[in-house]
Each structure stands twice: as C-alpha cells, then as structure tokens.
Amino acid sequence: MVQAWNLRPKYPGQKWCPSAEFVESALIFFYGSTNIFLEHLGGSSSEWSAQDMEHLAITVLFIGGGLVSHPPVSPSIPSPPF
C-alpha cells in the first residue's frame, strides 16, 4: 500500500507513528540548533566574523523552519476533515 509522504501510517495496536513530514521538520530543527554552535567552532579565531554572522542567520532560518513546520504535523492538532 502506497501512502502520501505527509500522512501518518496507521497500524493496528499502534498509538502514534510519526509521518515523514514530522521527521523531516524535526531533523531540520535539530540541524539548525546544532549548527548554530558548530559554525563558529570551525574558525581559527575566537572573534565572530561576518561569515560567522551569515551562517548564524542561515541556521536561525533552519531553526525557524523546523519549528514552523511542526504544528501542522503535530498529532495533538486534529487533521482537516477532507
């Protein structure tokens, strides 16, 4: 049986199973939250450069993207009737 990637699979006796969309948004959030610290560690100096700030802004976008995409796929929010 083939399902859409954003639908949660339903198995008998299973309370909750994450959809692929939920896993994807969790990974985007995790990547952003870990990358925010790791981008600066790659530099040779302890001062923040313009490139560090640029990467910081990009990782904030990843964190925001991961957080914004969680509520629509959250199991606590009911699915639309269609």
PDB file of N, CA and C in Angstrom:
ATOM      1  N   MET A   1       0.833  -1.179   0.000  1.00  0.00           N
ATOM      2  CA  MET A   1       0.000   0.000   0.000  1.00  0.00           C
ATOM      3  C   MET A   1       0.880   1.245   0.000  1.00  0.00           C
ATOM      4  N   VAL A   2       0.630   2.156  -0.891  1.00  0.00           N
ATOM      5  CA  VAL A   2       1.413   3.379  -1.018  1.00  0.00           C
ATOM      6  C   VAL A   2       0.631   4.523  -0.391  1.00  0.00           C
ATOM      7  N   GLN A   3       1.320   5.307   0.461  1.00  0.00           N
ATOM      8  CA  GLN A   3       0.691   6.453   1.101  1.00  0.00           C
ATOM      9  C   GLN A   3       1.433   7.723   0.728  1.00  0.00           C
ATOM     10  N   ALA A   4       0.758   8.840   0.902  1.00  0.00           N
ATOM     11  CA  ALA A   4       1.418  10.130   0.712  1.00  0.00           C
ATOM     12  C   ALA A   4       2.455  10.313   1.813  1.00  0.00           C
ATOM     13  N   TRP A   5       3.484  11.069   1.526  1.00  0.00           N
ATOM     14  CA  TRP A   5       4.593  11.212   2.480  1.00  0.00           C
ATOM     15  C   TRP A   5       4.202  12.006   3.717  1.00  0.00           C
ATOM     16  N   ASN A   6       3.129  12.788   3.652  1.00  0.00           N
ATOM     17  CA  ASN A   6       2.747  13.592   4.810  1.00  0.00           C
ATOM     18  C   ASN A   6       1.630  12.966   5.643  1.00  0.00           C
ATOM     19  N   LEU A   7       1.213  11.754   5.324  1.00  0.00           N
ATOM     20  CA  LEU A   7       0.213  11.050   6.124  1.00  0.00           C
ATOM     21  C   LEU A   7       0.894  10.109   7.099  1.00  0.00           C
ATOM     22  N   ARG A   8       0.341  10.044   8.286  1.00  0.00           N
ATOM     23  CA  ARG A   8       0.879   9.127   9.285  1.00  0.00           C
ATOM     24  C   ARG A   8       0.388   7.722   8.973  1.00  0.00           C
ATOM     25  N   PRO A   9       1.285   6.747   8.956  1.00  0.00           N
ATOM     26  CA  PRO A   9       0.836   5.364   8.744  1.00  0.00           C
ATOM     27  C   PRO A   9       0.069   4.869   9.968  1.00  0.00           C
ATOM     28  N   LYS A  10      -0.981   4.114   9.737  1.00  0.00           N
ATOM     29  CA  LYS A  10      -1.801   3.587  10.828  1.00  0.00           C
ATOM     30  C   LYS A  10      -1.686   2.070  10.847  1.00  0.00           C
ATOM     31  N   TYR A  11      -1.211   1.556  11.965  1.00  0.00           N
ATOM     32  CA  TYR A  11      -1.081   0.127  12.157  1.00  0.00           C
ATOM     33  C   TYR A  11      -1.939  -0.289  13.337  1.00  0.00           C
ATOM     34  N   PRO A  12      -2.509  -1.476  13.318  1.00  0.00           N
ATOM     35  CA  PRO A  12      -3.335  -1.915  14.442  1.00  0.00           C
ATOM     36  C   PRO A  12      -2.517  -1.995  15.735  1.00  0.00           C
ATOM     37  N   GLY A  13      -3.063  -1.454  16.798  1.00  0.00           N
ATOM     38  CA  GLY A  13      -2.405  -1.526  18.095  1.00  0.00           C
ATOM     39  C   GLY A  13      -1.310  -0.503  18.310  1.00  0.00           C
ATOM     40  N   GLN A  14      -1.070   0.348  17.361  1.00  0.00           N
ATOM     41  CA  GLN A  14      -0.011   1.350  17.495  1.00  0.00           C
ATOM     42  C   GLN A  14      -0.652   2.696  17.786  1.00  0.00           C
ATOM     43  N   LYS A  15      -0.202   3.350  18.889  1.00  0.00           N
ATOM     44  CA  LYS A  15      -0.806   4.612  19.285  1.00  0.00           C
ATOM     45  C   LYS A  15      -0.379   5.761  18.385  1.00  0.00           C
ATOM     46  N   TRP A  16       0.928   5.883  18.111  1.00  0.00           N
ATOM     47  CA  TRP A  16       1.406   7.019  17.340  1.00  0.00           C
ATOM     48  C   TRP A  16       2.619   6.617  16.521  1.00  0.00           C
ATOM     49  N   CYS A  17       2.630   7.074  15.302  1.00  0.00           N
ATOM     50  CA  CYS A  17       3.771   6.854  14.414  1.00  0.00           C
ATOM     51  C   CYS A  17       4.011   8.167  13.679  1.00  0.00           C
ATOM     52  N   PRO A  18       5.249   8.692  13.715  1.00  0.00           N
ATOM     53  CA  PRO A  18       5.487   9.985  13.060  1.00  0.00           C
ATOM     54  C   PRO A  18       5.414   9.871  11.546  1.00  0.00           C
ATOM     55  N   SER A  19       4.905  10.919  10.938  1.00  0.00           N
ATOM     56  CA  SER A  19       4.896  10.962   9.478  1.00  0.00           C
ATOM     57  C   SER A  19       6.287  11.352   8.996  1.00  0.00           C
ATOM     58  N   ALA A  20       6.530  11.155   7.729  1.00  0.00           N
ATOM     59  CA  ALA A  20       7.823  11.542   7.159  1.00  0.00           C
ATOM     60  C   ALA A  20       8.007  13.053   7.241  1.00  0.00           C
ATOM     61  N   GLU A  21       6.919  13.804   7.120  1.00  0.00           N
ATOM     62  CA  GLU A  21       6.994  15.257   7.220  1.00  0.00           C
ATOM     63  C   GLU A  21       7.392  15.685   8.633  1.00  0.00           C
ATOM     64  N   PHE A  22       6.881  14.987   9.654  1.00  0.00           N
ATOM     65  CA  PHE A  22       7.236  15.292  11.042  1.00  0.00           C
ATOM     66  C   PHE A  22       8.720  15.015  11.277  1.00  0.00           C
ATOM     67  N   VAL A  23       9.209  13.892  10.781  1.00  0.00           N
ATOM     68  CA  VAL A  23      10.622  13.548  10.936  1.00  0.00           C
ATOM     69  C   VAL A  23      11.493  14.563  10.208  1.00  0.00           C
ATOM     70  N   GLU A  24      11.073  14.958   9.020  1.00  0.00           N
ATOM     71  CA  GLU A  24      11.838  15.936   8.246  1.00  0.00           C
ATOM     72  C   GLU A  24      11.937  17.274   8.978  1.00  0.00           C
ATOM     73  N   SER A  25      10.834  17.758   9.529  1.00  0.00           N
ATOM     74  CA  SER A  25      10.876  19.036  10.237  1.00  0.00           C
ATOM     75  C   SER A  25      11.676  18.927  11.525  1.00  0.00           C
ATOM     76  N   ALA A  26      11.640  17.772  12.184  1.00  0.00           N
ATOM     77  CA  ALA A  26      12.458  17.580  13.393  1.00  0.00           C
ATOM     78  C   ALA A  26      13.945  17.581  13.037  1.00  0.00           C
ATOM     79  N   LEU A  27      14.306  16.966  11.920  1.00  0.00           N
ATOM     80  CA  LEU A  27      15.710  16.957  11.504  1.00  0.00           C
ATOM     81  C   LEU A  27      16.189  18.349  11.095  1.00  0.00           C
ATOM     82  N   ILE A  28      15.330  19.123  10.450  1.00  0.00           N
ATOM     83  CA  ILE A  28      15.698  20.494  10.076  1.00  0.00           C
ATOM     84  C   ILE A  28      15.941  21.323  11.328  1.00  0.00           C
ATOM     85  N   PHE A  29      15.071  21.183  12.331  1.00  0.00           N
ATOM     86  CA  PHE A  29      15.243  21.906  13.586  1.00  0.00           C
ATOM     87  C   PHE A  29      16.513  21.455  14.305  1.00  0.00           C
ATOM     88  N   PHE A  30      16.752  20.147  14.345  1.00  0.00           N
ATOM     89  CA  PHE A  30      17.953  19.627  15.008  1.00  0.00           C
ATOM     90  C   PHE A  30      19.221  20.109  14.316  1.00  0.00           C
ATOM     91  N   TYR A  31      19.222  20.084  12.982  1.00  0.00           N
ATOM     92  CA  TYR A  31      20.380  20.559  12.227  1.00  0.00           C
ATOM     93  C   TYR A  31      20.660  22.025  12.527  1.00  0.00           C
ATOM     94  N   GLY A  32      19.614  22.842  12.529  1.00  0.00           N
ATOM     95  CA  GLY A  32      19.796  24.263  12.805  1.00  0.00           C
ATOM     96  C   GLY A  32      20.283  24.523  14.213  1.00  0.00           C
ATOM     97  N   SER A  33      19.727  23.806  15.189  1.00  0.00           N
ATOM     98  CA  SER A  33      20.108  24.052  16.582  1.00  0.00           C
ATOM     99  C   SER A  33      21.518  23.569  16.892  1.00  0.00           C
ATOM    100  N   THR A  34      21.999  22.544  16.240  1.00  0.00           N
ATOM    101  CA  THR A  34      23.385  22.111  16.466  1.00  0.00           C
ATOM    102  C   THR A  34      24.362  22.919  15.619  1.00  0.00           C
ATOM    103  N   ASN A  35      23.944  23.293  14.425  1.00  0.00           N
ATOM    104  CA  ASN A  35      24.825  24.014  13.524  1.00  0.00           C
ATOM    105  C   ASN A  35      25.098  25.434  14.010  1.00  0.00           C
ATOM    106  N   ILE A  36      24.203  25.989  14.806  1.00  0.00           N
ATOM    107  CA  ILE A  36      24.383  27.350  15.303  1.00  0.00           C
ATOM    108  C   ILE A  36      25.650  27.453  16.148  1.00  0.00           C
ATOM    109  N   PHE A  37      26.015  26.379  16.824  1.00  0.00           N
ATOM    110  CA  PHE A  37      27.231  26.377  17.633  1.00  0.00           C
ATOM    111  C   PHE A  37      28.446  25.879  16.847  1.00  0.00           C
ATOM    112  N   LEU A  38      28.221  24.942  15.942  1.00  0.00           N
ATOM    113  CA  LEU A  38      29.339  24.323  15.239  1.00  0.00           C
ATOM    114  C   LEU A  38      29.928  25.210  14.145  1.00  0.00           C
ATOM    115  N   GLU A  39      29.159  26.137  13.599  1.00  0.00           N
ATOM    116  CA  GLU A  39      29.685  27.028  12.553  1.00  0.00           C
ATOM    117  C   GLU A  39      30.826  27.882  13.085  1.00  0.00           C
ATOM    118  N   HIS A  40      30.721  28.362  14.304  1.00  0.00           N
ATOM    119  CA  HIS A  40      31.756  29.230  14.864  1.00  0.00           C
ATOM    120  C   HIS A  40      32.994  28.437  15.276  1.00  0.00           C
ATOM    121  N   LEU A  41      32.821  27.173  15.624  1.00  0.00           N
ATOM    122  CA  LEU A  41      33.962  26.365  16.060  1.00  0.00           C
ATOM    123  C   LEU A  41      34.954  26.086  14.937  1.00  0.00           C
ATOM    124  N   GLY A  42      34.516  26.191  13.684  1.00  0.00           N
ATOM    125  CA  GLY A  42      35.402  25.921  12.556  1.00  0.00           C
ATOM    126  C   GLY A  42      36.398  27.031  12.291  1.00  0.00           C
ATOM    127  N   GLY A  43      36.165  28.209  12.828  1.00  0.00           N
ATOM    128  CA  GLY A  43      37.069  29.333  12.602  1.00  0.00           C
ATOM    129  C   GLY A  43      38.314  29.238  13.465  1.00  0.00           C
ATOM    130  N   SER A  44      39.363  29.932  13.019  1.00  0.00           N
ATOM    131  CA  SER A  44      40.628  29.877  13.755  1.00  0.00           C
ATOM    132  C   SER A  44      40.681  30.887  14.897  1.00  0.00           C
ATOM    133  N   SER A  45      39.912  31.976  14.795  1.00  0.00           N
ATOM    134  CA  SER A  45      39.948  32.990  15.849  1.00  0.00           C
ATOM    135  C   SER A  45      38.712  32.861  16.736  1.00  0.00           C
ATOM    136  N   SER A  46      38.781  33.504  17.890  1.00  0.00           N
ATOM    137  CA  SER A  46      37.641  33.444  18.798  1.00  0.00           C
ATOM    138  C   SER A  46      36.636  34.557  18.528  1.00  0.00           C
ATOM    139  N   GLU A  47      36.984  35.501  17.663  1.00  0.00           N
ATOM    140  CA  GLU A  47      36.064  36.577  17.333  1.00  0.00           C
ATOM    141  C   GLU A  47      35.097  36.128  16.231  1.00  0.00           C
ATOM    142  N   TRP A  48      33.894  36.675  16.303  1.00  0.00           N
ATOM    143  CA  TRP A  48      32.894  36.356  15.297  1.00  0.00           C
ATOM    144  C   TRP A  48      33.143  37.213  14.056  1.00  0.00           C
ATOM    145  N   SER A  49      33.266  36.562  12.916  1.00  0.00           N
ATOM    146  CA  SER A  49      33.483  37.273  11.657  1.00  0.00           C
ATOM    147  C   SER A  49      32.142  37.498  10.956  1.00  0.00           C
ATOM    148  N   ALA A  50      32.191  38.220   9.844  1.00  0.00           N
ATOM    149  CA  ALA A  50      30.974  38.455   9.058  1.00  0.00           C
ATOM    150  C   ALA A  50      30.432  37.134   8.509  1.00  0.00           C
ATOM    151  N   GLN A  51      31.329  36.226   8.150  1.00  0.00           N
ATOM    152  CA  GLN A  51      30.893  34.919   7.642  1.00  0.00           C
ATOM    153  C   GLN A  51      30.212  34.109   8.752  1.00  0.00           C
ATOM    154  N   ASP A  52      30.727  34.219   9.986  1.00  0.00           N
ATOM    155  CA  ASP A  52      30.074  33.550  11.108  1.00  0.00           C
ATOM    156  C   ASP A  52      28.660  34.090  11.311  1.00  0.00           C
ATOM    157  N   MET A  53      28.507  35.391  11.196  1.00  0.00           N
ATOM    158  CA  MET A  53      27.184  36.003  11.354  1.00  0.00           C
ATOM    159  C   MET A  53      26.226  35.585  10.241  1.00  0.00           C
ATOM    160  N   GLU A  54      26.778  35.457   9.031  1.00  0.00           N
ATOM    161  CA  GLU A  54      25.950  34.991   7.915  1.00  0.00           C
ATOM    162  C   GLU A  54      25.474  33.567   8.165  1.00  0.00           C
ATOM    163  N   HIS A  55      26.360  32.719   8.599  1.00  0.00           N
ATOM    164  CA  HIS A  55      25.983  31.337   8.896  1.00  0.00           C
ATOM    165  C   HIS A  55      25.024  31.264  10.082  1.00  0.00           C
ATOM    166  N   LEU A  56      25.193  32.154  11.045  1.00  0.00           N
ATOM    167  CA  LEU A  56      24.277  32.225  12.173  1.00  0.00           C
ATOM    168  C   LEU A  56      22.863  32.561  11.694  1.00  0.00           C
ATOM    169  N   ALA A  57      22.763  33.516  10.774  1.00  0.00           N
ATOM    170  CA  ALA A  57      21.454  33.893  10.239  1.00  0.00           C
ATOM    171  C   ALA A  57      20.818  32.726   9.481  1.00  0.00           C
ATOM    172  N   ILE A  58      21.613  31.991   8.735  1.00  0.00           N
ATOM    173  CA  ILE A  58      21.087  30.846   7.994  1.00  0.00           C
ATOM    174  C   ILE A  58      20.598  29.762   8.950  1.00  0.00           C
ATOM    175  N   THR A  59      21.340  29.496  10.024  1.00  0.00           N
ATOM    176  CA  THR A  59      20.915  28.467  10.968  1.00  0.00           C
ATOM    177  C   THR A  59      19.681  28.903  11.748  1.00  0.00           C
ATOM    178  N   VAL A  60      19.523  30.202  11.985  1.00  0.00           N
ATOM    179  CA  VAL A  60      18.288  30.682  12.623  1.00  0.00           C
ATOM    180  C   VAL A  60      17.101  30.414  11.701  1.00  0.00           C
ATOM    181  N   LEU A  61      17.296  30.553  10.401  1.00  0.00           N
ATOM    182  CA  LEU A  61      16.239  30.217   9.449  1.00  0.00           C
ATOM    183  C   LEU A  61      15.902  28.729   9.491  1.00  0.00           C
ATOM    184  N   PHE A  62      16.914  27.879   9.639  1.00  0.00           N
ATOM    185  CA  PHE A  62      16.666  26.442   9.764  1.00  0.00           C
ATOM    186  C   PHE A  62      15.878  26.135  11.033  1.00  0.00           C
ATOM    187  N   ILE A  63      16.252  26.773  12.142  1.00  0.00           N
ATOM    188  CA  ILE A  63      15.524  26.555  13.398  1.00  0.00           C
ATOM    189  C   ILE A  63      14.072  27.003  13.241  1.00  0.00           C
ATOM    190  N   GLY A  64      13.884  28.184  12.674  1.00  0.00           N
ATOM    191  CA  GLY A  64      12.526  28.680  12.463  1.00  0.00           C
ATOM    192  C   GLY A  64      11.723  27.804  11.525  1.00  0.00           C
ATOM    193  N   GLY A  65      12.354  27.334  10.467  1.00  0.00           N
ATOM    194  CA  GLY A  65      11.657  26.446   9.532  1.00  0.00           C
ATOM    195  C   GLY A  65      11.244  25.141  10.175  1.00  0.00           C
ATOM    196  N   GLY A  66      12.117  24.612  11.023  1.00  0.00           N
ATOM    197  CA  GLY A  66      11.766  23.374  11.726  1.00  0.00           C
ATOM    198  C   GLY A  66      10.635  23.589  12.705  1.00  0.00           C
ATOM    199  N   LEU A  67      10.649  24.722  13.407  1.00  0.00           N
ATOM    200  CA  LEU A  67       9.603  24.990  14.391  1.00  0.00           C
ATOM    201  C   LEU A  67       8.260  25.313  13.738  1.00  0.00           C
ATOM    202  N   VAL A  68       8.292  26.059  12.649  1.00  0.00           N
ATOM    203  CA  VAL A  68       7.050  26.442  11.983  1.00  0.00           C
ATOM    204  C   VAL A  68       6.369  25.232  11.349  1.00  0.00           C
ATOM    205  N   SER A  69       7.138  24.268  10.905  1.00  0.00           N
ATOM    206  CA  SER A  69       6.531  23.116  10.243  1.00  0.00           C
ATOM    207  C   SER A  69       6.060  22.043  11.228  1.00  0.00           C
ATOM    208  N   HIS A  70       6.348  22.183  12.507  1.00  0.00           N
ATOM    209  CA  HIS A  70       5.886  21.187  13.481  1.00  0.00           C
ATOM    210  C   HIS A  70       4.393  21.251  13.790  1.00  0.00           C
ATOM    211  N   PRO A  71       3.799  22.413  14.047  1.00  0.00           N
ATOM    212  CA  PRO A  71       2.364  22.415  14.404  1.00  0.00           C
ATOM    213  C   PRO A  71       1.444  21.773  13.374  1.00  0.00           C
ATOM    214  N   PRO A  72       1.633  21.987  12.068  1.00  0.00           N
ATOM    215  CA  PRO A  72       0.706  21.335  11.125  1.00  0.00           C
ATOM    216  C   PRO A  72       0.779  19.806  11.139  1.00  0.00           C
ATOM    217  N   VAL A  73       1.906  19.243  11.537  1.00  0.00           N
ATOM    218  CA  VAL A  73       2.034  17.786  11.531  1.00  0.00           C
ATOM    219  C   VAL A  73       1.986  17.204  12.940  1.00  0.00           C
ATOM    220  N   SER A  74       1.687  18.035  13.910  1.00  0.00           N
ATOM    221  CA  SER A  74       1.623  17.570  15.294  1.00  0.00           C
ATOM    222  C   SER A  74       0.411  16.665  15.500  1.00  0.00           C
ATOM    223  N   PRO A  75       0.584  15.580  16.235  1.00  0.00           N
ATOM    224  CA  PRO A  75      -0.555  14.680  16.465  1.00  0.00           C
ATOM    225  C   PRO A  75      -1.607  15.291  17.386  1.00  0.00           C
ATOM    226  N   SER A  76      -1.280  16.326  18.141  1.00  0.00           N
ATOM    227  CA  SER A  76      -2.250  16.923  19.055  1.00  0.00           C
ATOM    228  C   SER A  76      -3.211  17.865  18.332  1.00  0.00           C
ATOM    229  N   ILE A  77      -2.868  18.273  17.125  1.00  0.00           N
ATOM    230  CA  ILE A  77      -3.762  19.119  16.326  1.00  0.00           C
ATOM    231  C   ILE A  77      -4.531  18.214  15.372  1.00  0.00           C
ATOM    232  N   PRO A  78      -5.841  18.248  15.387  1.00  0.00           N
ATOM    233  CA  PRO A  78      -6.613  17.340  14.540  1.00  0.00           C
ATOM    234  C   PRO A  78      -6.415  17.620  13.048  1.00  0.00           C
ATOM    235  N   SER A  79      -6.502  16.585  12.270  1.00  0.00           N
ATOM    236  CA  SER A  79      -6.371  16.710  10.825  1.00  0.00           C
ATOM    237  C   SER A  79      -7.641  17.333  10.253  1.00  0.00           C
ATOM    238  N   PRO A  80      -7.540  18.010   9.112  1.00  0.00           N
ATOM    239  CA  PRO A  80      -8.757  18.564   8.494  1.00  0.00           C
ATOM    240  C   PRO A  80      -9.664  17.433   8.020  1.00  0.00           C
ATOM    241  N   PRO A  81     -10.961  17.685   7.935  1.00  0.00           N
ATOM    242  CA  PRO A  81     -11.915  16.616   7.589  1.00  0.00           C
ATOM    243  C   PRO A  81     -11.860  16.162   6.142  1.00  0.00           C
ATOM    244  N   PHE A  82     -11.128  16.835   5.282  1.00  0.00           N
ATOM    245  CA  PHE A  82     -11.095  16.429   3.875  1.00  0.00           C
ATOM    246  C   PHE A  82      -9.982  15.489   3.581  1.00  0.00           C
TER     247      PHE A  82
END
